């Protein structure tokens, strides 16, 4: 199998970070706090001694009119990531699927950004020496293995209860986010109150 050689500057360490927001949401719930993505970016640049770091953030969001609360804050957050922190944000609407059972009809929502993450990791493969994935999904093992065979260092960030064994051991290193000693956390996680309560 043919793998392209690095086209990155020889003397520079360039790190690309791929954050699967839905997967990392479980980590934030376990911590009871939201990430401060500015602090997280600084932490990763320092940890991997990067000359340059580029962060990709992948998320699915509810379609307008499908929630009884305002989604403006969510979209303002995406704008902050793009304009304030120079993240590349990939987003798409949750897919709504009609499910029909003996009990009746219901709507199921699905959102998966695995393909988008894989495309970006491969499309930009000549630009970085080291890849960092914030996910615990075993589906990424094939991508991680490919990148390593192509000469890239690959590290995984997730948490003990949210990581597949295959992915935990498949890269060059695994880090439990909940055990990071540096402060990468922001606001306390607050759950939205249901209407009428």
N, C-alpha and C. Protein backbone atom coordinates (compact mmCIF):
# COMPACT_ATOMS: atom_id res chain seq x y z
N UNK A 1 0.85 -1.19 0.00
CA UNK A 1 0.00 0.00 0.00
C UNK A 1 0.88 1.24 0.00
N UNK A 2 0.50 2.25 -0.77
CA UNK A 2 1.29 3.48 -0.90
C UNK A 2 0.83 4.54 0.09
N UNK A 3 1.78 5.12 0.80
CA UNK A 3 1.49 6.21 1.72
C UNK A 3 2.30 7.43 1.32
N UNK A 4 1.67 8.59 1.36
CA UNK A 4 2.35 9.82 1.00
C UNK A 4 3.29 10.24 2.12
N UNK A 5 4.44 10.73 1.74
CA UNK A 5 5.40 11.22 2.71
C UNK A 5 4.95 12.56 3.27
N UNK A 6 5.47 12.89 4.44
CA UNK A 6 5.15 14.18 5.05
C UNK A 6 5.59 15.32 4.15
N UNK A 7 4.75 16.33 4.03
CA UNK A 7 5.08 17.53 3.29
C UNK A 7 5.18 18.70 4.26
N UNK A 8 5.25 18.39 5.56
CA UNK A 8 5.35 19.42 6.58
C UNK A 8 6.79 19.92 6.65
N UNK A 9 6.97 21.12 7.19
CA UNK A 9 8.31 21.66 7.34
C UNK A 9 9.12 20.75 8.26
N UNK A 10 10.31 20.38 7.81
CA UNK A 10 11.13 19.39 8.51
C UNK A 10 11.34 19.72 9.99
N UNK A 11 11.65 20.97 10.28
CA UNK A 11 12.02 21.34 11.64
C UNK A 11 10.86 21.81 12.50
N UNK A 12 9.64 21.70 12.01
CA UNK A 12 8.49 22.15 12.77
C UNK A 12 7.65 20.97 13.24
N UNK A 13 7.10 21.11 14.43
CA UNK A 13 6.14 20.12 14.91
C UNK A 13 4.75 20.73 14.76
N UNK A 14 3.98 20.15 13.86
CA UNK A 14 2.66 20.67 13.57
C UNK A 14 1.62 19.65 14.03
N UNK A 15 0.72 20.10 14.89
CA UNK A 15 -0.27 19.22 15.51
C UNK A 15 -1.66 19.59 15.01
N UNK A 16 -2.39 18.59 14.54
CA UNK A 16 -3.79 18.76 14.16
C UNK A 16 -4.65 18.00 15.16
N UNK A 17 -5.67 18.69 15.67
CA UNK A 17 -6.54 18.14 16.70
C UNK A 17 -7.94 17.99 16.15
N UNK A 18 -8.54 16.82 16.37
CA UNK A 18 -9.88 16.52 15.86
C UNK A 18 -10.79 16.19 17.04
N UNK A 19 -11.76 17.07 17.31
CA UNK A 19 -12.63 16.93 18.48
C UNK A 19 -14.02 16.49 18.05
N UNK A 20 -14.42 15.31 18.50
CA UNK A 20 -15.76 14.78 18.26
C UNK A 20 -16.64 15.27 19.42
N UNK A 21 -17.40 16.34 19.18
CA UNK A 21 -18.14 17.01 20.26
C UNK A 21 -19.13 16.09 20.97
N UNK A 22 -19.82 15.23 20.23
CA UNK A 22 -20.83 14.37 20.86
C UNK A 22 -20.18 13.37 21.80
N UNK A 23 -19.02 12.87 21.43
CA UNK A 23 -18.32 11.91 22.28
C UNK A 23 -17.76 12.60 23.52
N UNK A 24 -17.22 13.80 23.34
CA UNK A 24 -16.61 14.52 24.45
C UNK A 24 -17.67 15.10 25.39
N UNK A 25 -18.90 15.23 24.91
CA UNK A 25 -19.99 15.68 25.77
C UNK A 25 -20.15 14.74 26.96
N UNK A 26 -19.96 13.45 26.74
CA UNK A 26 -20.07 12.47 27.83
C UNK A 26 -19.01 12.71 28.89
N UNK A 27 -17.83 13.11 28.47
CA UNK A 27 -16.74 13.40 29.41
C UNK A 27 -17.09 14.63 30.24
N UNK A 28 -17.63 15.66 29.58
CA UNK A 28 -18.00 16.88 30.29
C UNK A 28 -19.12 16.61 31.31
N UNK A 29 -20.05 15.74 30.95
CA UNK A 29 -21.12 15.37 31.90
C UNK A 29 -20.54 14.66 33.10
N UNK A 30 -19.57 13.79 32.88
CA UNK A 30 -18.93 13.07 33.98
C UNK A 30 -18.18 14.03 34.91
N UNK A 31 -17.56 15.05 34.33
CA UNK A 31 -16.82 16.04 35.11
C UNK A 31 -17.75 17.04 35.79
N UNK A 32 -18.90 17.31 35.14
CA UNK A 32 -19.81 18.33 35.66
C UNK A 32 -19.39 19.73 35.28
N UNK A 33 -18.49 19.82 34.31
CA UNK A 33 -18.01 21.12 33.83
C UNK A 33 -17.86 21.08 32.32
N UNK A 34 -17.90 22.27 31.71
CA UNK A 34 -17.65 22.40 30.28
C UNK A 34 -16.17 22.68 30.04
N UNK A 35 -15.68 22.25 28.91
CA UNK A 35 -14.31 22.61 28.54
C UNK A 35 -14.20 24.11 28.32
N UNK A 36 -13.06 24.66 28.69
CA UNK A 36 -12.67 25.98 28.25
C UNK A 36 -11.74 25.71 27.06
N UNK A 37 -12.25 25.88 25.85
CA UNK A 37 -11.50 25.47 24.67
C UNK A 37 -10.27 26.32 24.42
N UNK A 38 -10.26 27.54 24.92
CA UNK A 38 -9.05 28.36 24.84
C UNK A 38 -7.95 27.76 25.68
N UNK A 39 -8.28 27.37 26.91
CA UNK A 39 -7.31 26.72 27.80
C UNK A 39 -6.87 25.38 27.23
N UNK A 40 -7.82 24.65 26.65
CA UNK A 40 -7.50 23.33 26.10
C UNK A 40 -6.50 23.45 24.95
N UNK A 41 -6.69 24.45 24.10
CA UNK A 41 -5.77 24.66 22.98
C UNK A 41 -4.36 24.98 23.48
N UNK A 42 -4.27 25.84 24.48
CA UNK A 42 -2.97 26.19 25.07
C UNK A 42 -2.31 24.97 25.69
N UNK A 43 -3.11 24.16 26.42
CA UNK A 43 -2.61 22.95 27.05
C UNK A 43 -2.02 21.98 26.02
N UNK A 44 -2.74 21.77 24.91
CA UNK A 44 -2.28 20.82 23.89
C UNK A 44 -1.03 21.32 23.18
N UNK A 45 -0.97 22.62 22.92
CA UNK A 45 0.22 23.20 22.26
C UNK A 45 1.45 22.99 23.13
N UNK A 46 1.27 23.18 24.43
CA UNK A 46 2.38 23.01 25.36
C UNK A 46 2.73 21.53 25.54
N UNK A 47 1.72 20.69 25.70
CA UNK A 47 1.94 19.26 25.95
C UNK A 47 2.74 18.60 24.83
N UNK A 48 2.41 18.97 23.60
CA UNK A 48 3.07 18.33 22.46
C UNK A 48 4.17 19.20 21.86
N UNK A 49 4.52 20.28 22.58
CA UNK A 49 5.60 21.16 22.16
C UNK A 49 5.44 21.57 20.68
N UNK A 50 4.22 21.98 20.35
CA UNK A 50 3.87 22.26 18.96
C UNK A 50 4.31 23.65 18.53
N UNK A 51 4.86 23.73 17.33
CA UNK A 51 5.14 25.02 16.73
C UNK A 51 3.86 25.63 16.19
N UNK A 52 2.95 24.75 15.73
CA UNK A 52 1.68 25.20 15.19
C UNK A 52 0.62 24.17 15.55
N UNK A 53 -0.56 24.65 15.91
CA UNK A 53 -1.65 23.74 16.24
C UNK A 53 -2.92 24.20 15.53
N UNK A 54 -3.62 23.24 14.93
CA UNK A 54 -4.90 23.52 14.27
C UNK A 54 -5.94 22.59 14.86
N UNK A 55 -7.03 23.19 15.34
CA UNK A 55 -8.08 22.39 15.98
C UNK A 55 -9.33 22.36 15.11
N UNK A 56 -9.86 21.16 14.91
CA UNK A 56 -11.12 20.94 14.21
C UNK A 56 -12.16 20.51 15.24
N UNK A 57 -13.35 21.05 15.12
CA UNK A 57 -14.44 20.76 16.06
C UNK A 57 -15.65 20.29 15.25
N UNK A 58 -16.16 19.10 15.58
CA UNK A 58 -17.24 18.47 14.82
C UNK A 58 -18.48 18.32 15.69
N UNK A 59 -19.62 18.81 15.17
CA UNK A 59 -20.83 18.76 15.98
C UNK A 59 -22.08 18.69 15.12
N UNK A 60 -23.12 18.11 15.68
CA UNK A 60 -24.45 18.13 15.07
C UNK A 60 -25.37 18.95 15.97
N UNK A 61 -26.32 19.65 15.37
CA UNK A 61 -27.19 20.51 16.16
C UNK A 61 -28.64 20.30 15.74
N UNK A 62 -29.58 20.59 16.64
CA UNK A 62 -31.00 20.41 16.31
C UNK A 62 -31.47 21.38 15.24
N UNK A 63 -32.37 20.92 14.39
CA UNK A 63 -32.96 21.80 13.37
C UNK A 63 -33.86 22.83 14.04
N UNK A 64 -34.00 23.99 13.43
CA UNK A 64 -34.89 25.03 13.95
C UNK A 64 -36.31 24.48 14.10
N UNK A 65 -36.95 24.86 15.20
CA UNK A 65 -38.32 24.45 15.43
C UNK A 65 -38.49 23.08 16.07
N UNK A 66 -37.36 22.39 16.35
CA UNK A 66 -37.46 21.06 16.95
C UNK A 66 -37.23 21.09 18.46
N UNK A 67 -36.97 22.27 18.99
CA UNK A 67 -36.75 22.42 20.43
C UNK A 67 -37.64 23.54 20.97
N UNK A 68 -37.94 23.46 22.27
CA UNK A 68 -38.76 24.52 22.87
C UNK A 68 -37.87 25.56 23.55
N UNK A 69 -36.61 25.63 23.12
CA UNK A 69 -35.69 26.65 23.64
C UNK A 69 -34.90 27.23 22.48
N UNK A 70 -34.30 28.39 22.74
CA UNK A 70 -33.59 29.15 21.71
C UNK A 70 -32.21 28.52 21.44
N UNK A 71 -31.90 28.34 20.17
CA UNK A 71 -30.62 27.74 19.78
C UNK A 71 -29.56 28.79 19.43
N UNK A 72 -29.89 30.06 19.64
CA UNK A 72 -28.96 31.14 19.28
C UNK A 72 -27.63 31.00 20.00
N UNK A 73 -27.68 30.66 21.28
CA UNK A 73 -26.45 30.54 22.07
C UNK A 73 -25.50 29.48 21.52
N UNK A 74 -26.07 28.38 21.04
CA UNK A 74 -25.26 27.32 20.47
C UNK A 74 -24.51 27.82 19.24
N UNK A 75 -25.20 28.56 18.38
CA UNK A 75 -24.57 29.05 17.16
C UNK A 75 -23.56 30.17 17.46
N UNK A 76 -23.81 30.95 18.49
CA UNK A 76 -22.83 31.96 18.93
C UNK A 76 -21.54 31.28 19.42
N UNK A 77 -21.71 30.14 20.08
CA UNK A 77 -20.55 29.37 20.56
C UNK A 77 -19.71 28.89 19.37
N UNK A 78 -20.36 28.40 18.32
CA UNK A 78 -19.62 27.96 17.14
C UNK A 78 -18.87 29.13 16.51
N UNK A 79 -19.49 30.29 16.48
CA UNK A 79 -18.84 31.48 15.93
C UNK A 79 -17.63 31.87 16.76
N UNK A 80 -17.76 31.76 18.10
CA UNK A 80 -16.63 32.05 18.99
C UNK A 80 -15.46 31.10 18.71
N UNK A 81 -15.76 29.81 18.54
CA UNK A 81 -14.70 28.85 18.25
C UNK A 81 -13.97 29.23 16.96
N UNK A 82 -14.75 29.63 15.94
CA UNK A 82 -14.16 29.97 14.64
C UNK A 82 -13.39 31.28 14.68
N UNK A 83 -14.05 32.33 15.15
CA UNK A 83 -13.46 33.67 15.07
C UNK A 83 -12.57 33.99 16.27
N UNK A 84 -12.95 33.49 17.44
CA UNK A 84 -12.18 33.80 18.64
C UNK A 84 -10.97 32.90 18.83
N UNK A 85 -11.12 31.60 18.48
CA UNK A 85 -10.03 30.65 18.74
C UNK A 85 -9.43 30.06 17.46
N UNK A 86 -9.94 30.49 16.30
CA UNK A 86 -9.44 30.00 15.01
C UNK A 86 -9.59 28.50 14.82
N UNK A 87 -10.63 27.92 15.42
CA UNK A 87 -10.95 26.52 15.17
C UNK A 87 -11.60 26.41 13.78
N UNK A 88 -11.49 25.24 13.19
CA UNK A 88 -12.29 24.92 12.02
C UNK A 88 -13.48 24.12 12.52
N UNK A 89 -14.68 24.67 12.34
CA UNK A 89 -15.90 24.05 12.86
C UNK A 89 -16.66 23.38 11.72
N UNK A 90 -16.90 22.09 11.89
CA UNK A 90 -17.73 21.33 10.95
C UNK A 90 -19.03 21.00 11.68
N UNK A 91 -20.14 21.43 11.11
CA UNK A 91 -21.41 21.20 11.79
C UNK A 91 -22.48 20.81 10.78
N UNK A 92 -23.45 20.07 11.26
CA UNK A 92 -24.60 19.72 10.42
C UNK A 92 -25.80 19.45 11.31
N UNK A 93 -26.98 19.56 10.72
CA UNK A 93 -28.21 19.32 11.47
C UNK A 93 -28.36 17.86 11.81
N UNK A 94 -28.92 17.61 12.98
CA UNK A 94 -29.27 16.24 13.35
C UNK A 94 -30.27 15.68 12.33
N UNK A 95 -30.05 14.45 11.95
CA UNK A 95 -30.97 13.80 11.02
C UNK A 95 -32.17 13.28 11.79
N UNK A 96 -33.36 13.62 11.32
CA UNK A 96 -34.59 13.18 11.97
C UNK A 96 -35.20 12.02 11.19
N UNK A 97 -35.36 10.90 11.88
CA UNK A 97 -35.85 9.68 11.25
C UNK A 97 -37.17 9.27 11.89
N UNK A 98 -38.16 9.03 11.07
CA UNK A 98 -39.46 8.57 11.57
C UNK A 98 -39.42 7.07 11.83
N UNK A 99 -39.76 6.69 13.04
CA UNK A 99 -39.78 5.29 13.44
C UNK A 99 -41.23 4.87 13.68
N UNK A 100 -41.64 3.79 13.04
CA UNK A 100 -43.00 3.28 13.23
C UNK A 100 -42.94 1.92 13.91
N UNK A 101 -43.61 1.82 15.05
CA UNK A 101 -43.66 0.57 15.81
C UNK A 101 -45.13 0.23 16.08
N UNK A 102 -45.34 -0.87 16.79
CA UNK A 102 -46.71 -1.27 17.16
C UNK A 102 -47.36 -0.23 18.06
N UNK A 103 -46.51 0.50 18.81
CA UNK A 103 -47.03 1.51 19.74
C UNK A 103 -47.38 2.82 19.04
N UNK A 104 -46.91 2.98 17.81
CA UNK A 104 -47.19 4.21 17.08
C UNK A 104 -45.95 4.77 16.40
N UNK A 105 -46.00 6.06 16.11
CA UNK A 105 -44.92 6.71 15.38
C UNK A 105 -44.12 7.62 16.30
N UNK A 106 -42.81 7.64 16.11
CA UNK A 106 -41.96 8.53 16.89
C UNK A 106 -40.82 9.03 16.00
N UNK A 107 -40.13 10.05 16.49
CA UNK A 107 -39.01 10.64 15.75
C UNK A 107 -37.72 10.33 16.49
N UNK A 108 -36.75 9.81 15.78
CA UNK A 108 -35.43 9.56 16.35
C UNK A 108 -34.43 10.49 15.67
N UNK A 109 -33.54 11.06 16.46
CA UNK A 109 -32.53 11.96 15.91
C UNK A 109 -31.16 11.29 15.94
N UNK A 110 -30.44 11.44 14.84
CA UNK A 110 -29.10 10.86 14.76
C UNK A 110 -28.13 11.89 14.22
N UNK A 111 -26.93 11.86 14.77
CA UNK A 111 -25.89 12.74 14.28
C UNK A 111 -24.54 12.06 14.40
N UNK A 112 -23.84 11.96 13.31
CA UNK A 112 -22.55 11.28 13.31
C UNK A 112 -21.60 12.03 12.39
N UNK A 113 -20.42 12.35 12.91
CA UNK A 113 -19.45 13.12 12.13
C UNK A 113 -18.19 12.31 11.81
N UNK A 114 -18.27 10.98 11.93
CA UNK A 114 -17.10 10.13 11.71
C UNK A 114 -16.50 10.31 10.31
N UNK A 115 -17.37 10.39 9.30
CA UNK A 115 -16.88 10.53 7.93
C UNK A 115 -16.17 11.86 7.74
N UNK A 116 -16.76 12.93 8.28
CA UNK A 116 -16.15 14.27 8.15
C UNK A 116 -14.77 14.32 8.84
N UNK A 117 -14.67 13.70 10.01
CA UNK A 117 -13.39 13.66 10.72
C UNK A 117 -12.35 12.91 9.89
N UNK A 118 -12.74 11.77 9.36
CA UNK A 118 -11.83 10.95 8.56
C UNK A 118 -11.37 11.70 7.31
N UNK A 119 -12.30 12.35 6.62
CA UNK A 119 -11.95 13.11 5.41
C UNK A 119 -10.93 14.19 5.73
N UNK A 120 -11.16 14.95 6.80
CA UNK A 120 -10.23 16.03 7.15
C UNK A 120 -8.86 15.48 7.53
N UNK A 121 -8.83 14.40 8.30
CA UNK A 121 -7.55 13.82 8.73
C UNK A 121 -6.73 13.36 7.53
N UNK A 122 -7.40 12.80 6.53
CA UNK A 122 -6.70 12.32 5.33
C UNK A 122 -6.39 13.46 4.34
N UNK A 123 -7.33 14.38 4.21
CA UNK A 123 -7.14 15.51 3.27
C UNK A 123 -5.93 16.36 3.66
N UNK A 124 -5.73 16.53 4.97
CA UNK A 124 -4.65 17.40 5.47
C UNK A 124 -3.41 16.62 5.88
N UNK A 125 -3.31 15.36 5.50
CA UNK A 125 -2.28 14.47 6.02
C UNK A 125 -0.85 14.99 5.80
N UNK A 126 -0.63 15.75 4.73
CA UNK A 126 0.71 16.26 4.45
C UNK A 126 1.08 17.46 5.32
N UNK A 127 0.10 18.00 6.04
CA UNK A 127 0.32 19.26 6.75
C UNK A 127 0.75 19.09 8.20
N UNK A 128 0.60 17.91 8.77
CA UNK A 128 0.90 17.72 10.19
C UNK A 128 1.80 16.52 10.43
N UNK A 129 2.50 16.58 11.58
CA UNK A 129 3.33 15.46 12.01
C UNK A 129 2.61 14.59 13.03
N UNK A 130 1.71 15.23 13.78
CA UNK A 130 1.08 14.56 14.91
C UNK A 130 -0.42 14.87 14.93
N UNK A 131 -1.22 13.82 15.13
CA UNK A 131 -2.67 13.97 15.18
C UNK A 131 -3.18 13.62 16.56
N UNK A 132 -4.14 14.41 17.03
CA UNK A 132 -4.78 14.17 18.33
C UNK A 132 -6.27 14.03 18.10
N UNK A 133 -6.84 12.95 18.62
CA UNK A 133 -8.28 12.71 18.46
C UNK A 133 -8.95 12.72 19.83
N UNK A 134 -9.98 13.55 19.95
CA UNK A 134 -10.81 13.56 21.15
C UNK A 134 -12.05 12.73 20.84
N UNK A 135 -11.97 11.44 21.11
CA UNK A 135 -13.06 10.51 20.86
C UNK A 135 -12.72 9.19 21.53
N UNK A 136 -13.73 8.36 21.70
CA UNK A 136 -13.50 7.03 22.25
C UNK A 136 -14.04 5.94 21.34
N UNK A 137 -14.48 6.34 20.16
CA UNK A 137 -15.19 5.46 19.23
C UNK A 137 -14.22 4.50 18.54
N UNK A 138 -14.47 3.21 18.67
CA UNK A 138 -13.60 2.19 18.07
C UNK A 138 -13.59 2.27 16.54
N UNK A 139 -14.60 2.90 15.95
CA UNK A 139 -14.64 3.03 14.49
C UNK A 139 -13.43 3.79 13.95
N UNK A 140 -12.77 4.57 14.79
CA UNK A 140 -11.63 5.35 14.35
C UNK A 140 -10.32 4.56 14.35
N UNK A 141 -10.36 3.32 14.80
CA UNK A 141 -9.14 2.52 14.86
C UNK A 141 -8.49 2.38 13.48
N UNK A 142 -9.31 2.15 12.45
CA UNK A 142 -8.76 2.00 11.09
C UNK A 142 -8.04 3.26 10.65
N UNK A 143 -8.62 4.42 10.94
CA UNK A 143 -8.00 5.70 10.59
C UNK A 143 -6.70 5.90 11.37
N UNK A 144 -6.73 5.63 12.65
CA UNK A 144 -5.54 5.76 13.50
C UNK A 144 -4.42 4.86 12.98
N UNK A 145 -4.75 3.63 12.64
CA UNK A 145 -3.75 2.68 12.13
C UNK A 145 -3.16 3.17 10.81
N UNK A 146 -4.01 3.70 9.93
CA UNK A 146 -3.55 4.21 8.64
C UNK A 146 -2.57 5.37 8.85
N UNK A 147 -2.93 6.31 9.72
CA UNK A 147 -2.08 7.47 9.95
C UNK A 147 -0.73 7.06 10.53
N UNK A 148 -0.73 6.08 11.41
CA UNK A 148 0.53 5.62 12.01
C UNK A 148 1.42 4.95 10.96
N UNK A 149 0.80 4.18 10.08
CA UNK A 149 1.58 3.54 9.00
C UNK A 149 2.14 4.59 8.04
N UNK A 150 1.46 5.73 7.98
CA UNK A 150 1.92 6.83 7.12
C UNK A 150 2.98 7.69 7.82
N UNK A 151 3.39 7.28 9.00
CA UNK A 151 4.47 7.97 9.70
C UNK A 151 4.04 9.04 10.67
N UNK A 152 2.74 9.12 10.96
CA UNK A 152 2.23 10.13 11.90
C UNK A 152 2.20 9.56 13.32
N UNK A 153 2.44 10.43 14.29
CA UNK A 153 2.18 10.08 15.69
C UNK A 153 0.71 10.39 15.95
N UNK A 154 0.03 9.50 16.67
CA UNK A 154 -1.40 9.66 16.92
C UNK A 154 -1.70 9.43 18.40
N UNK A 155 -2.38 10.40 19.01
CA UNK A 155 -2.73 10.31 20.43
C UNK A 155 -4.24 10.45 20.60
N UNK A 156 -4.76 9.73 21.58
CA UNK A 156 -6.19 9.70 21.84
C UNK A 156 -6.48 10.30 23.21
N UNK A 157 -7.48 11.19 23.26
CA UNK A 157 -7.99 11.74 24.53
C UNK A 157 -9.44 11.31 24.67
N UNK A 158 -9.77 10.71 25.80
CA UNK A 158 -11.15 10.34 26.11
C UNK A 158 -11.24 10.16 27.61
N UNK A 159 -12.11 9.29 28.07
CA UNK A 159 -12.17 8.98 29.50
C UNK A 159 -12.40 7.48 29.68
N UNK A 160 -12.12 7.00 30.87
CA UNK A 160 -12.13 5.56 31.13
C UNK A 160 -13.46 4.89 30.76
N UNK A 161 -14.56 5.57 31.04
CA UNK A 161 -15.87 4.97 30.78
C UNK A 161 -16.39 5.26 29.38
N UNK A 162 -15.57 5.94 28.56
CA UNK A 162 -16.05 6.37 27.25
C UNK A 162 -15.06 6.03 26.13
N UNK A 163 -14.21 5.03 26.37
CA UNK A 163 -13.18 4.68 25.40
C UNK A 163 -13.23 3.19 25.12
N UNK A 164 -13.16 2.83 23.85
CA UNK A 164 -13.09 1.41 23.50
C UNK A 164 -11.66 0.92 23.75
N UNK A 165 -11.53 -0.33 24.11
CA UNK A 165 -10.21 -0.89 24.37
C UNK A 165 -9.34 -0.85 23.12
N UNK A 166 -9.95 -1.08 21.96
CA UNK A 166 -9.19 -1.08 20.71
C UNK A 166 -8.57 0.28 20.45
N UNK A 167 -9.33 1.34 20.67
CA UNK A 167 -8.82 2.68 20.41
C UNK A 167 -7.83 3.11 21.49
N UNK A 168 -8.10 2.73 22.72
CA UNK A 168 -7.21 3.10 23.84
C UNK A 168 -5.79 2.61 23.61
N UNK A 169 -5.66 1.44 23.02
CA UNK A 169 -4.33 0.84 22.81
C UNK A 169 -3.84 0.95 21.37
N UNK A 170 -4.66 1.56 20.49
CA UNK A 170 -4.32 1.56 19.07
C UNK A 170 -3.42 2.68 18.59
N UNK A 171 -3.28 3.74 19.40
CA UNK A 171 -2.45 4.87 18.99
C UNK A 171 -1.08 4.84 19.63
N UNK A 172 -0.40 5.98 19.60
CA UNK A 172 0.92 6.08 20.23
C UNK A 172 0.80 6.44 21.71
N UNK A 173 -0.41 6.79 22.14
CA UNK A 173 -0.62 7.11 23.54
C UNK A 173 -2.07 7.46 23.79
N UNK A 174 -2.51 7.22 25.02
CA UNK A 174 -3.89 7.52 25.41
C UNK A 174 -3.86 8.35 26.69
N UNK A 175 -4.73 9.35 26.77
CA UNK A 175 -4.82 10.21 27.95
C UNK A 175 -6.27 10.28 28.41
N UNK A 176 -6.47 10.05 29.70
CA UNK A 176 -7.80 10.18 30.29
C UNK A 176 -8.01 11.66 30.62
N UNK A 177 -8.96 12.29 29.93
CA UNK A 177 -9.19 13.73 30.09
C UNK A 177 -9.50 14.08 31.54
N UNK A 178 -10.24 13.20 32.21
CA UNK A 178 -10.65 13.50 33.58
C UNK A 178 -9.48 13.48 34.56
N UNK A 179 -8.33 12.98 34.12
CA UNK A 179 -7.15 12.93 34.99
C UNK A 179 -6.10 13.97 34.62
N UNK A 180 -6.43 14.84 33.68
CA UNK A 180 -5.50 15.92 33.32
C UNK A 180 -5.34 16.85 34.52
N UNK A 181 -4.12 17.10 34.91
CA UNK A 181 -3.87 17.94 36.09
C UNK A 181 -3.98 19.42 35.77
N UNK A 182 -3.62 19.81 34.54
CA UNK A 182 -3.72 21.22 34.16
C UNK A 182 -5.19 21.61 34.05
N UNK A 183 -5.46 22.89 34.26
CA UNK A 183 -6.84 23.38 34.22
C UNK A 183 -7.27 23.61 32.78
N UNK A 184 -8.15 22.74 32.30
CA UNK A 184 -8.70 22.91 30.95
C UNK A 184 -10.22 23.10 31.02
N UNK A 185 -10.72 23.31 32.25
CA UNK A 185 -12.16 23.35 32.46
C UNK A 185 -12.68 24.77 32.62
N UNK A 186 -13.93 24.95 32.25
CA UNK A 186 -14.58 26.25 32.34
C UNK A 186 -15.76 26.23 33.27
N UNK A 187 -16.92 26.63 32.76
CA UNK A 187 -18.12 26.79 33.57
C UNK A 187 -18.67 25.47 34.08
N UNK A 188 -19.35 25.57 35.21
CA UNK A 188 -20.08 24.42 35.73
C UNK A 188 -21.18 24.05 34.74
N UNK A 189 -21.40 22.76 34.58
CA UNK A 189 -22.43 22.28 33.67
C UNK A 189 -23.79 22.44 34.32
N UNK A 190 -24.69 23.16 33.65
CA UNK A 190 -26.04 23.35 34.16
C UNK A 190 -27.04 22.76 33.19
N UNK A 191 -27.96 21.98 33.73
CA UNK A 191 -28.96 21.35 32.88
C UNK A 191 -30.16 22.27 32.72
N UNK A 192 -30.68 22.29 31.51
CA UNK A 192 -31.81 23.14 31.19
C UNK A 192 -33.07 22.65 31.91
N UNK A 193 -33.78 23.56 32.53
CA UNK A 193 -35.02 23.19 33.23
C UNK A 193 -36.12 22.89 32.23
N UNK A 194 -36.90 21.87 32.55
CA UNK A 194 -38.04 21.56 31.70
C UNK A 194 -39.12 22.59 31.92
N UNK A 195 -39.89 22.85 30.86
CA UNK A 195 -40.96 23.84 30.98
C UNK A 195 -42.01 23.36 31.99
N UNK A 196 -42.51 24.32 32.77
CA UNK A 196 -43.53 23.99 33.76
C UNK A 196 -42.97 23.54 35.09
N UNK A 197 -41.61 23.53 35.22
CA UNK A 197 -41.00 23.11 36.48
C UNK A 197 -40.21 24.23 37.08
